[in-house]
Amino acid sequence: MFNRKNKSTIDSLIGATTNIQGDVHFKGGLRIDGHVTGNVIAEAGAPSILVISEQAVIDGEVRAGHIVVNGVINGPVISTELIELQSKARISGDVQYKALEMMNGALVSGKLGHDQAVEPVLKLAASN
């Protein structure tokens, strides 16, 4: 359906028994199995993938290129590429996306907003 050319791999893991208090900034790929109280933000302008597993809970803003959610997010979510909401995904907050895949059973309590990139306007050289 979508052209998935993920050049990012999972570089880091936040384990199921780990609790983080504070913001997490990452580059590349990150998988979260634990609990994060704070924002999870990927480096802007670089390819990124964030996987939020079934047992993961994030209380804060989530921002990345490609986001796969099967856990709980309490806060806004911004995906600059693709967001995949798997069957056990629970999001309490607004979701901004470029492309969205949502499986049966996923729940979003908030607004879904499609990021419509402005297409550049082409001008003919003769019109100047």
N, C-alpha and C. Protein backbone atom coordinates (compact mmCIF):
# COMPACT_ATOMS: atom_id res chain seq x y z
N MET A 1 0.82 -1.18 0.00
CA MET A 1 0.00 0.00 0.00
C MET A 1 0.86 1.25 0.00
N PHE A 2 1.74 1.37 0.98
CA PHE A 2 2.65 2.51 1.04
C PHE A 2 4.04 2.02 0.68
N ASN A 3 4.81 2.90 0.08
CA ASN A 3 6.18 2.55 -0.27
C ASN A 3 7.02 2.66 0.99
N ARG A 4 7.36 1.54 1.59
CA ARG A 4 8.07 1.54 2.87
C ARG A 4 9.55 1.25 2.65
N LYS A 5 10.29 2.29 2.47
CA LYS A 5 11.74 2.15 2.34
C LYS A 5 12.38 2.67 3.61
N ASN A 6 12.31 1.85 4.67
CA ASN A 6 12.87 2.27 5.94
C ASN A 6 14.37 2.11 5.92
N LYS A 7 15.06 3.22 5.99
CA LYS A 7 16.50 3.17 6.05
C LYS A 7 16.95 3.14 7.51
N SER A 8 15.99 3.34 8.42
CA SER A 8 16.30 3.32 9.85
C SER A 8 16.09 1.93 10.41
N THR A 9 16.92 1.58 11.34
CA THR A 9 16.76 0.35 12.09
C THR A 9 16.65 0.74 13.55
N ILE A 10 16.28 -0.22 14.38
CA ILE A 10 16.18 0.06 15.80
C ILE A 10 17.58 0.10 16.39
N ASP A 11 17.98 1.27 16.87
CA ASP A 11 19.30 1.48 17.44
C ASP A 11 19.30 1.36 18.96
N SER A 12 18.15 1.71 19.58
CA SER A 12 18.08 1.77 21.04
C SER A 12 16.79 1.12 21.53
N LEU A 13 16.84 0.65 22.78
CA LEU A 13 15.70 0.00 23.40
C LEU A 13 15.53 0.53 24.82
N ILE A 14 14.29 0.86 25.16
CA ILE A 14 13.94 1.18 26.53
C ILE A 14 13.13 -0.01 27.01
N GLY A 15 13.72 -0.82 27.89
CA GLY A 15 13.16 -2.09 28.31
C GLY A 15 11.87 -1.97 29.11
N ALA A 16 11.17 -3.10 29.24
CA ALA A 16 9.87 -3.15 29.89
C ALA A 16 9.92 -2.77 31.37
N THR A 17 11.03 -3.00 32.04
CA THR A 17 11.14 -2.67 33.46
C THR A 17 11.76 -1.29 33.70
N THR A 18 11.95 -0.52 32.65
CA THR A 18 12.57 0.81 32.76
C THR A 18 11.51 1.90 32.82
N ASN A 19 11.69 2.82 33.77
CA ASN A 19 10.85 4.01 33.89
C ASN A 19 11.73 5.23 33.71
N ILE A 20 11.37 6.09 32.77
CA ILE A 20 12.16 7.30 32.52
C ILE A 20 11.32 8.51 32.88
N GLN A 21 11.91 9.40 33.68
CA GLN A 21 11.29 10.67 34.05
C GLN A 21 12.07 11.76 33.33
N GLY A 22 11.49 12.34 32.29
CA GLY A 22 12.18 13.37 31.52
C GLY A 22 12.06 13.09 30.03
N ASP A 23 12.51 14.05 29.23
CA ASP A 23 12.39 13.94 27.78
C ASP A 23 13.43 12.98 27.22
N VAL A 24 13.05 12.30 26.13
CA VAL A 24 13.95 11.41 25.40
C VAL A 24 14.09 11.96 23.99
N HIS A 25 15.32 12.28 23.60
CA HIS A 25 15.62 12.73 22.25
C HIS A 25 16.46 11.65 21.60
N PHE A 26 16.09 11.27 20.36
CA PHE A 26 16.81 10.18 19.71
C PHE A 26 17.00 10.46 18.23
N LYS A 27 17.88 9.68 17.65
CA LYS A 27 18.20 9.74 16.23
C LYS A 27 18.17 8.31 15.72
N GLY A 28 17.60 8.07 14.55
CA GLY A 28 17.54 6.72 14.00
C GLY A 28 16.31 5.99 14.48
N GLY A 29 16.52 4.81 15.11
CA GLY A 29 15.41 3.99 15.55
C GLY A 29 15.40 3.77 17.05
N LEU A 30 14.21 3.78 17.63
CA LEU A 30 14.04 3.57 19.06
C LEU A 30 12.82 2.70 19.28
N ARG A 31 12.95 1.70 20.16
CA ARG A 31 11.82 0.87 20.58
C ARG A 31 11.62 1.11 22.07
N ILE A 32 10.36 1.34 22.45
CA ILE A 32 10.03 1.56 23.85
C ILE A 32 9.12 0.44 24.32
N ASP A 33 9.56 -0.27 25.36
CA ASP A 33 8.75 -1.29 26.01
C ASP A 33 8.35 -0.85 27.42
N GLY A 34 9.00 0.16 27.95
CA GLY A 34 8.78 0.62 29.32
C GLY A 34 7.87 1.82 29.41
N HIS A 35 8.06 2.61 30.47
CA HIS A 35 7.22 3.77 30.76
C HIS A 35 8.07 5.04 30.69
N VAL A 36 7.63 6.01 29.89
CA VAL A 36 8.32 7.29 29.77
C VAL A 36 7.35 8.39 30.20
N THR A 37 7.75 9.16 31.20
CA THR A 37 7.00 10.34 31.61
C THR A 37 7.80 11.54 31.10
N GLY A 38 7.42 12.02 29.94
CA GLY A 38 8.13 13.09 29.26
C GLY A 38 7.94 12.95 27.77
N ASN A 39 8.49 13.87 27.02
CA ASN A 39 8.34 13.86 25.57
C ASN A 39 9.35 12.92 24.93
N VAL A 40 8.94 12.28 23.83
CA VAL A 40 9.83 11.42 23.05
C VAL A 40 9.91 12.04 21.66
N ILE A 41 11.10 12.58 21.33
CA ILE A 41 11.24 13.39 20.12
C ILE A 41 12.45 12.93 19.31
N ALA A 42 12.20 12.66 18.02
CA ALA A 42 13.28 12.29 17.10
C ALA A 42 13.93 13.55 16.55
N GLU A 43 15.19 13.42 16.16
CA GLU A 43 15.91 14.54 15.56
C GLU A 43 15.23 14.95 14.26
N ALA A 44 14.93 16.23 14.13
CA ALA A 44 14.25 16.75 12.94
C ALA A 44 15.15 16.67 11.72
N GLY A 45 14.57 16.36 10.58
CA GLY A 45 15.31 16.34 9.33
C GLY A 45 16.06 15.07 9.04
N ALA A 46 16.09 14.13 9.97
CA ALA A 46 16.77 12.85 9.76
C ALA A 46 15.74 11.73 9.79
N PRO A 47 15.97 10.64 9.03
CA PRO A 47 15.02 9.52 9.08
C PRO A 47 14.94 8.94 10.48
N SER A 48 13.72 8.61 10.91
CA SER A 48 13.56 8.05 12.25
C SER A 48 12.38 7.08 12.28
N ILE A 49 12.50 6.09 13.16
CA ILE A 49 11.41 5.17 13.40
C ILE A 49 11.30 4.96 14.90
N LEU A 50 10.06 5.01 15.39
CA LEU A 50 9.78 4.83 16.80
C LEU A 50 8.74 3.72 16.93
N VAL A 51 9.07 2.69 17.71
CA VAL A 51 8.16 1.57 17.94
C VAL A 51 7.75 1.61 19.40
N ILE A 52 6.46 1.68 19.63
CA ILE A 52 5.90 1.70 20.98
C ILE A 52 5.16 0.39 21.16
N SER A 53 5.73 -0.51 21.97
CA SER A 53 5.20 -1.87 22.08
C SER A 53 3.93 -1.92 22.92
N GLU A 54 3.35 -3.09 22.96
CA GLU A 54 2.08 -3.32 23.65
C GLU A 54 2.13 -2.97 25.13
N GLN A 55 3.26 -3.20 25.80
CA GLN A 55 3.35 -2.90 27.23
C GLN A 55 3.84 -1.49 27.54
N ALA A 56 4.17 -0.71 26.53
CA ALA A 56 4.73 0.63 26.72
C ALA A 56 3.66 1.66 27.05
N VAL A 57 4.05 2.66 27.86
CA VAL A 57 3.19 3.80 28.19
C VAL A 57 4.05 5.06 28.09
N ILE A 58 3.55 6.05 27.36
CA ILE A 58 4.23 7.33 27.24
C ILE A 58 3.27 8.42 27.68
N ASP A 59 3.68 9.21 28.68
CA ASP A 59 2.91 10.35 29.14
C ASP A 59 3.64 11.60 28.68
N GLY A 60 3.31 12.07 27.48
CA GLY A 60 3.97 13.24 26.91
C GLY A 60 3.81 13.26 25.41
N GLU A 61 4.42 14.25 24.78
CA GLU A 61 4.36 14.40 23.33
C GLU A 61 5.27 13.38 22.65
N VAL A 62 4.82 12.87 21.50
CA VAL A 62 5.61 11.95 20.69
C VAL A 62 5.76 12.56 19.31
N ARG A 63 7.02 12.63 18.83
CA ARG A 63 7.29 13.25 17.53
C ARG A 63 8.39 12.47 16.83
N ALA A 64 8.07 11.90 15.64
CA ALA A 64 9.06 11.14 14.85
C ALA A 64 8.55 11.03 13.42
N GLY A 65 9.42 10.51 12.55
CA GLY A 65 9.04 10.31 11.16
C GLY A 65 8.05 9.17 11.01
N HIS A 66 8.48 7.95 11.29
CA HIS A 66 7.66 6.75 11.19
C HIS A 66 7.39 6.26 12.61
N ILE A 67 6.12 6.15 12.97
CA ILE A 67 5.75 5.74 14.32
C ILE A 67 4.86 4.51 14.24
N VAL A 68 5.22 3.47 15.00
CA VAL A 68 4.40 2.26 15.11
C VAL A 68 3.93 2.19 16.56
N VAL A 69 2.60 2.19 16.76
CA VAL A 69 2.05 2.23 18.12
C VAL A 69 1.21 0.97 18.36
N ASN A 70 1.53 0.28 19.46
CA ASN A 70 0.70 -0.83 19.93
C ASN A 70 0.50 -0.70 21.44
N GLY A 71 0.92 0.41 22.01
CA GLY A 71 0.80 0.66 23.44
C GLY A 71 -0.04 1.90 23.71
N VAL A 72 0.27 2.60 24.81
CA VAL A 72 -0.53 3.74 25.26
C VAL A 72 0.29 5.03 25.15
N ILE A 73 -0.31 6.06 24.57
CA ILE A 73 0.28 7.39 24.53
C ILE A 73 -0.74 8.37 25.09
N ASN A 74 -0.34 9.11 26.12
CA ASN A 74 -1.18 10.15 26.70
C ASN A 74 -0.54 11.49 26.36
N GLY A 75 -0.90 12.03 25.22
CA GLY A 75 -0.34 13.28 24.74
C GLY A 75 -0.43 13.35 23.23
N PRO A 76 -0.06 14.48 22.65
CA PRO A 76 -0.14 14.64 21.20
C PRO A 76 0.92 13.81 20.48
N VAL A 77 0.58 13.41 19.25
CA VAL A 77 1.48 12.59 18.42
C VAL A 77 1.63 13.28 17.07
N ILE A 78 2.89 13.48 16.65
CA ILE A 78 3.17 14.09 15.35
C ILE A 78 4.07 13.17 14.57
N SER A 79 3.57 12.70 13.42
CA SER A 79 4.35 11.84 12.53
C SER A 79 4.56 12.57 11.22
N THR A 80 5.82 12.73 10.81
CA THR A 80 6.10 13.45 9.56
C THR A 80 6.05 12.54 8.35
N GLU A 81 5.96 11.22 8.57
CA GLU A 81 5.88 10.27 7.46
C GLU A 81 4.65 9.38 7.60
N LEU A 82 4.78 8.32 8.36
CA LEU A 82 3.72 7.31 8.49
C LEU A 82 3.51 6.97 9.95
N ILE A 83 2.25 6.86 10.36
CA ILE A 83 1.94 6.35 11.68
C ILE A 83 1.09 5.09 11.50
N GLU A 84 1.51 4.02 12.18
CA GLU A 84 0.79 2.75 12.15
C GLU A 84 0.19 2.53 13.53
N LEU A 85 -1.13 2.49 13.60
CA LEU A 85 -1.82 2.23 14.85
C LEU A 85 -2.27 0.77 14.83
N GLN A 86 -1.59 -0.05 15.62
CA GLN A 86 -1.91 -1.46 15.67
C GLN A 86 -3.09 -1.69 16.60
N SER A 87 -3.58 -2.92 16.68
CA SER A 87 -4.86 -3.21 17.32
C SER A 87 -4.96 -2.82 18.79
N LYS A 88 -3.86 -2.79 19.53
CA LYS A 88 -3.91 -2.44 20.95
C LYS A 88 -3.45 -1.01 21.23
N ALA A 89 -3.33 -0.21 20.19
CA ALA A 89 -2.91 1.19 20.35
C ALA A 89 -4.01 1.98 21.04
N ARG A 90 -3.59 2.81 22.00
CA ARG A 90 -4.51 3.70 22.72
C ARG A 90 -3.84 5.07 22.80
N ILE A 91 -4.42 6.06 22.13
CA ILE A 91 -3.86 7.41 22.14
C ILE A 91 -4.90 8.36 22.70
N SER A 92 -4.51 9.10 23.73
CA SER A 92 -5.34 10.16 24.29
C SER A 92 -4.66 11.48 23.96
N GLY A 93 -5.00 12.04 22.83
CA GLY A 93 -4.39 13.28 22.36
C GLY A 93 -4.57 13.40 20.86
N ASP A 94 -4.26 14.56 20.33
CA ASP A 94 -4.40 14.80 18.90
C ASP A 94 -3.27 14.11 18.15
N VAL A 95 -3.59 13.64 16.93
CA VAL A 95 -2.62 12.93 16.08
C VAL A 95 -2.49 13.69 14.77
N GLN A 96 -1.27 14.10 14.45
CA GLN A 96 -0.94 14.78 13.19
C GLN A 96 -0.12 13.80 12.35
N TYR A 97 -0.47 13.61 11.09
CA TYR A 97 0.20 12.59 10.28
C TYR A 97 0.23 12.99 8.81
N LYS A 98 1.14 12.34 8.08
CA LYS A 98 1.18 12.47 6.63
C LYS A 98 0.47 11.28 6.00
N ALA A 99 0.72 10.08 6.54
CA ALA A 99 0.03 8.85 6.11
C ALA A 99 -0.34 8.07 7.37
N LEU A 100 -1.49 7.40 7.32
CA LEU A 100 -2.01 6.71 8.49
C LEU A 100 -2.49 5.32 8.13
N GLU A 101 -2.09 4.33 8.94
CA GLU A 101 -2.63 2.97 8.87
C GLU A 101 -3.20 2.67 10.24
N MET A 102 -4.47 2.27 10.28
CA MET A 102 -5.12 2.03 11.56
C MET A 102 -5.81 0.68 11.52
N MET A 103 -5.42 -0.20 12.44
CA MET A 103 -6.00 -1.54 12.49
C MET A 103 -7.26 -1.54 13.35
N ASN A 104 -8.09 -2.54 13.12
CA ASN A 104 -9.31 -2.71 13.91
C ASN A 104 -8.95 -2.88 15.38
N GLY A 105 -9.57 -2.11 16.25
CA GLY A 105 -9.30 -2.17 17.68
C GLY A 105 -8.50 -1.00 18.20
N ALA A 106 -7.77 -0.31 17.34
CA ALA A 106 -6.99 0.86 17.76
C ALA A 106 -7.95 1.97 18.16
N LEU A 107 -7.55 2.77 19.16
CA LEU A 107 -8.42 3.82 19.68
C LEU A 107 -7.66 5.14 19.77
N VAL A 108 -8.27 6.20 19.24
CA VAL A 108 -7.71 7.55 19.35
C VAL A 108 -8.77 8.44 19.98
N SER A 109 -8.45 9.02 21.13
CA SER A 109 -9.33 9.98 21.79
C SER A 109 -8.72 11.35 21.58
N GLY A 110 -9.04 11.95 20.47
CA GLY A 110 -8.48 13.23 20.07
C GLY A 110 -8.76 13.47 18.60
N LYS A 111 -8.20 14.52 18.07
CA LYS A 111 -8.42 14.87 16.66
C LYS A 111 -7.35 14.22 15.79
N LEU A 112 -7.78 13.74 14.62
CA LEU A 112 -6.85 13.26 13.61
C LEU A 112 -6.68 14.39 12.59
N GLY A 113 -5.44 14.78 12.33
CA GLY A 113 -5.17 15.86 11.39
C GLY A 113 -4.17 15.43 10.35
N HIS A 114 -4.58 15.50 9.09
CA HIS A 114 -3.68 15.14 7.99
C HIS A 114 -2.80 16.33 7.66
N ASP A 115 -1.49 16.11 7.63
CA ASP A 115 -0.52 17.15 7.29
C ASP A 115 -0.44 17.26 5.79
N GLN A 116 -1.08 18.26 5.25
CA GLN A 116 -1.07 18.45 3.80
C GLN A 116 0.08 19.35 3.43
N ALA A 117 1.12 18.74 2.91
CA ALA A 117 2.30 19.52 2.50
C ALA A 117 1.91 20.41 1.33
N VAL A 118 2.36 21.63 1.40
CA VAL A 118 2.05 22.58 0.33
C VAL A 118 2.94 22.27 -0.87
N GLU A 119 2.30 22.02 -2.01
CA GLU A 119 3.04 21.75 -3.22
C GLU A 119 3.63 23.04 -3.77
N PRO A 120 4.89 23.00 -4.22
CA PRO A 120 5.48 24.21 -4.77
C PRO A 120 4.74 24.64 -6.05
N VAL A 121 4.57 25.93 -6.19
CA VAL A 121 3.90 26.46 -7.36
C VAL A 121 4.95 26.66 -8.45
N LEU A 122 4.68 26.08 -9.62
CA LEU A 122 5.61 26.21 -10.75
C LEU A 122 5.22 27.43 -11.57
N LYS A 123 6.20 28.21 -11.92
CA LYS A 123 5.97 29.39 -12.76
C LYS A 123 6.73 29.21 -14.05
N LEU A 124 6.09 29.60 -15.12
CA LEU A 124 6.75 29.55 -16.41
C LEU A 124 7.70 30.73 -16.54
N ALA A 125 8.84 30.48 -17.12
CA ALA A 125 9.83 31.55 -17.30
C ALA A 125 9.28 32.67 -18.18
N ALA A 126 8.41 32.33 -19.12
CA ALA A 126 7.84 33.34 -20.03
C ALA A 126 6.87 34.27 -19.33
N SER A 127 6.36 33.88 -18.13
CA SER A 127 5.37 34.71 -17.44
C SER A 127 6.01 35.85 -16.67
N ASN A 128 7.33 35.93 -16.61
CA ASN A 128 8.00 37.02 -15.88
C ASN A 128 8.11 38.24 -16.71
